Protein backbone atom coordinates (compact mmCIF):
# COMPACT_ATOMS: atom_id res chain seq x y z
CA UNK A 1 0.00 0.00 0.00
CA UNK A 2 1.54 3.27 -1.09
CA UNK A 3 -1.55 5.34 -0.45
CA UNK A 4 -1.48 8.80 1.09
CA UNK A 5 -3.71 8.57 4.16
CA UNK A 6 -4.94 11.52 6.19
CA UNK A 7 -6.02 10.54 9.70
CA UNK A 8 -8.28 13.11 11.35
CA UNK A 9 -8.77 12.27 15.03
CA UNK A 10 -8.03 13.57 18.48
CA UNK A 11 -8.21 10.02 19.89
CA UNK A 12 -4.67 8.84 20.65
CA UNK A 13 -5.79 5.18 20.80
CA UNK A 14 -7.02 5.42 17.20
CA UNK A 15 -3.78 7.18 16.21
CA UNK A 16 -1.78 4.29 17.68
CA UNK A 17 -3.91 1.70 15.87
CA UNK A 18 -3.47 3.66 12.63
CA UNK A 19 0.29 3.19 12.93
CA UNK A 20 -0.38 -0.20 11.35
CA UNK A 21 -0.96 1.76 8.11
CA UNK A 22 2.61 2.99 8.29
CA UNK A 23 3.77 -0.59 8.67
CA UNK A 24 2.10 -1.53 5.39
CA UNK A 25 3.66 1.41 3.52
CA UNK A 26 1.05 4.17 3.69
CA UNK A 27 2.13 7.81 3.88
CA UNK A 28 0.29 8.90 7.01
CA UNK A 29 -0.57 12.47 7.97
CA UNK A 30 -2.34 13.03 11.29
CA UNK A 31 -4.50 16.05 12.14
CA UNK A 32 -6.14 16.34 15.56
CA UNK A 33 -8.74 18.99 14.67
CA UNK A 34 -11.66 18.50 12.26
CA UNK A 35 -11.42 21.96 10.70
CA UNK A 36 -7.69 21.64 10.11
CA UNK A 37 -8.23 18.10 8.80
CA UNK A 38 -10.76 19.33 6.23
CA UNK A 39 -8.41 22.10 5.12
CA UNK A 40 -5.54 19.61 4.82
CA UNK A 41 -7.70 17.25 2.74
CA UNK A 42 -8.76 20.04 0.41
CA UNK A 43 -5.17 21.24 0.00
CA UNK A 44 -3.26 17.93 -0.13
CA UNK A 45 -5.83 15.66 -1.84
CA UNK A 46 -4.95 12.42 -0.02
CA UNK A 47 -5.99 9.05 -1.42
CA UNK A 48 -7.92 8.18 1.76
CA UNK A 49 -9.21 10.12 4.74
CA UNK A 50 -9.79 8.20 7.97
CA UNK A 51 -12.24 10.49 9.76
CA UNK A 52 -13.11 10.19 13.44
CA UNK A 53 -16.90 10.35 13.35
CA UNK A 54 -16.94 11.66 16.91
CA UNK A 55 -15.12 14.93 16.16
CA UNK A 56 -17.11 18.06 16.97
CA UNK A 57 -17.14 19.27 13.33
CA UNK A 58 -20.42 18.57 11.53
CA UNK A 59 -19.96 15.14 9.95
CA UNK A 60 -22.48 15.89 7.20
CA UNK A 61 -20.55 18.82 5.79
CA UNK A 62 -17.27 16.99 6.39
CA UNK A 63 -18.28 14.01 4.22
CA UNK A 64 -19.50 16.28 1.41
CA UNK A 65 -16.31 18.34 1.49
CA UNK A 66 -14.12 15.23 1.62
CA UNK A 67 -15.95 13.64 -1.32
CA UNK A 68 -15.24 16.78 -3.35
CA UNK A 69 -11.49 16.15 -2.93
CA UNK A 70 -11.85 12.72 -4.55
CA UNK A 71 -10.50 10.93 -1.47
CA UNK A 72 -11.87 7.61 -0.29
CA UNK A 73 -13.49 8.05 3.12
CA UNK A 74 -13.34 5.76 6.15
CA UNK A 75 -15.40 6.88 9.15
CA UNK A 76 -14.47 5.49 12.57
CA UNK A 77 -17.08 5.65 15.30
CA UNK A 78 -18.03 4.06 18.58
CA UNK A 79 -21.11 1.91 19.03
CA UNK A 80 -22.85 4.80 20.82
CA UNK A 81 -22.47 7.01 17.73
CA UNK A 82 -23.29 4.30 15.19
CA UNK A 83 -26.24 6.29 13.78
CA UNK A 84 -23.87 9.12 12.83
CA UNK A 85 -21.58 6.61 11.11
CA UNK A 86 -24.46 5.15 9.12
CA UNK A 87 -25.50 8.69 8.14
CA UNK A 88 -21.94 9.29 6.91
CA UNK A 89 -22.20 6.16 4.75
CA UNK A 90 -25.46 7.44 3.26
CA UNK A 91 -23.74 10.73 2.48
CA UNK A 92 -20.88 9.10 0.63
CA UNK A 93 -18.30 7.59 2.97
CA UNK A 94 -17.07 4.26 1.61
CA UNK A 95 -16.29 2.46 4.84
CA UNK A 96 -17.43 2.45 8.46
CA UNK A 97 -15.19 1.03 11.20
CA UNK A 98 -16.61 0.61 14.71
CA UNK A 99 -14.49 0.97 17.84
CA UNK A 100 -12.62 -0.82 19.25
CA UNK A 101 -10.69 -0.74 15.99
CA UNK A 102 -9.13 -3.97 14.77
CA UNK A 103 -5.90 -3.09 12.88
CA UNK A 104 -6.57 -5.65 10.13
CA UNK A 105 -10.10 -4.32 9.65
CA UNK A 106 -8.79 -0.75 9.44
CA UNK A 107 -6.15 -1.73 6.88
CA UNK A 108 -8.74 -3.52 4.73
CA UNK A 109 -11.18 -0.59 4.99
CA UNK A 110 -8.46 1.85 3.92
CA UNK A 111 -7.55 -0.35 0.94
CA UNK A 112 -11.19 -0.53 -0.20
CA UNK A 113 -11.68 3.22 0.29
CA UNK A 114 -8.47 3.93 -1.65
CA UNK A 115 -9.80 1.94 -4.60
CA UNK A 116 -13.10 3.85 -4.48
CA UNK A 117 -11.16 7.10 -4.25
CA UNK A 118 -9.14 6.23 -7.36
CA UNK A 119 -12.36 5.70 -9.30
CA UNK A 120 -13.85 8.93 -7.94
CA UNK A 121 -10.74 10.96 -8.84
CA UNK A 122 -10.79 9.49 -12.35
CA UNK A 123 -14.44 10.51 -12.69
CA UNK A 124 -13.72 14.00 -11.33
CA UNK A 125 -11.16 14.55 -14.08
CA UNK A 126 -13.99 14.60 -16.58
CA UNK A 127 -16.57 17.34 -16.72
CA UNK A 128 -20.24 16.71 -17.35
CA UNK A 129 -19.55 17.20 -21.07
CA UNK A 130 -17.11 14.29 -21.03
CA UNK A 131 -14.02 16.41 -21.57
CA UNK A 132 -11.00 16.14 -19.32
CA UNK A 133 -9.25 19.21 -17.99
CA UNK A 134 -6.48 18.60 -20.53
CA UNK A 135 -8.98 18.85 -23.42
CA UNK A 136 -9.29 15.10 -24.02
CA UNK A 137 -12.86 14.04 -24.73
CA UNK A 138 -13.89 10.65 -23.41
CA UNK A 139 -15.48 8.38 -25.98
CA UNK A 140 -18.76 6.74 -25.20
CA UNK A 141 -19.08 2.98 -25.14
CA UNK A 142 -21.33 3.18 -28.20
CA UNK A 143 -18.65 5.11 -30.13
CA UNK A 144 -16.01 2.55 -29.22
CA UNK A 145 -18.30 -0.34 -30.18
CA UNK A 146 -19.21 1.28 -33.50
CA UNK A 147 -15.55 1.85 -34.37
CA UNK A 148 -14.60 -1.71 -33.42
CA UNK A 149 -17.39 -3.19 -35.54
CA UNK A 150 -16.44 -0.99 -38.48
CA UNK A 151 -12.72 -1.92 -38.22
CA UNK A 152 -13.51 -5.63 -37.92
CA UNK A 153 -15.83 -5.56 -40.93
CA UNK A 154 -13.20 -3.75 -42.99
CA UNK A 155 -10.56 -6.27 -41.89
CA UNK A 156 -12.78 -9.12 -43.14
CA UNK A 157 -13.73 -7.24 -46.34
CA UNK A 158 -17.35 -6.95 -45.25
CA UNK A 159 -17.79 -10.66 -44.45
CA UNK A 160 -20.34 -10.51 -41.65
CA UNK A 161 -19.97 -14.12 -40.56
CA UNK A 162 -16.23 -13.82 -39.99
CA UNK A 163 -16.57 -10.40 -38.36
CA UNK A 164 -19.26 -11.68 -35.99
CA UNK A 165 -17.09 -14.66 -35.05
CA UNK A 166 -14.10 -12.39 -34.30
CA UNK A 167 -16.27 -9.98 -32.28
CA UNK A 168 -17.76 -12.87 -30.28
CA UNK A 169 -21.35 -12.09 -31.22
CA UNK A 170 -23.94 -13.78 -33.40
CA UNK A 171 -24.32 -12.79 -37.05
CA UNK A 172 -27.86 -11.56 -36.34
CA UNK A 173 -26.60 -9.33 -33.51
CA UNK A 174 -23.93 -7.94 -35.81
CA UNK A 175 -26.52 -7.17 -38.50
CA UNK A 176 -28.69 -5.39 -35.91
CA UNK A 177 -25.72 -3.34 -34.72
CA UNK A 178 -24.79 -2.44 -38.31
CA UNK A 179 -28.34 -1.13 -38.78
CA UNK A 180 -28.45 0.70 -35.44
CA UNK A 181 -25.10 2.43 -36.10
CA UNK A 182 -26.06 3.08 -39.77
CA UNK A 183 -22.79 1.55 -40.95
CA UNK A 184 -22.47 1.57 -44.76
CA UNK A 185 -20.00 -1.13 -45.71
């Protein structure tokens, strides 16, 4: 694990348990205040934020702000505050860990949240129009499929049976796709 993890907690017991993340290769930053933790997340864009659900900062706004950074979110809470942890999950946190924290459970939760964060950051790179910040426009699945069908048909000189076999679809499905994409071959 080479993930950048931001731990936001004032609980020293949780901080000691989180040292297991260092042992598995995470870059760990620890903030003891919720407001400072949010500012750090927004500035540093960590891969994962382990958020103490019992911090005085409003958890609802914290989860929304953390999601905007693209980080995966793990909320740690005690059994008495379980409702707040479940609310954080509904608002977008990926993982909920209940105290007392098992180091293996925390490590697994961080790994799963990191994966979710990677997907979220990839999605955030694209605007609603499907264009990345570097000007690259993402192709739709239909565009990719149409191009692949067209290339395969050209490769087989228009032979639909051979093209369908190479594409792994039936000849009838290929004919339907040719019609739906208005391919003229």
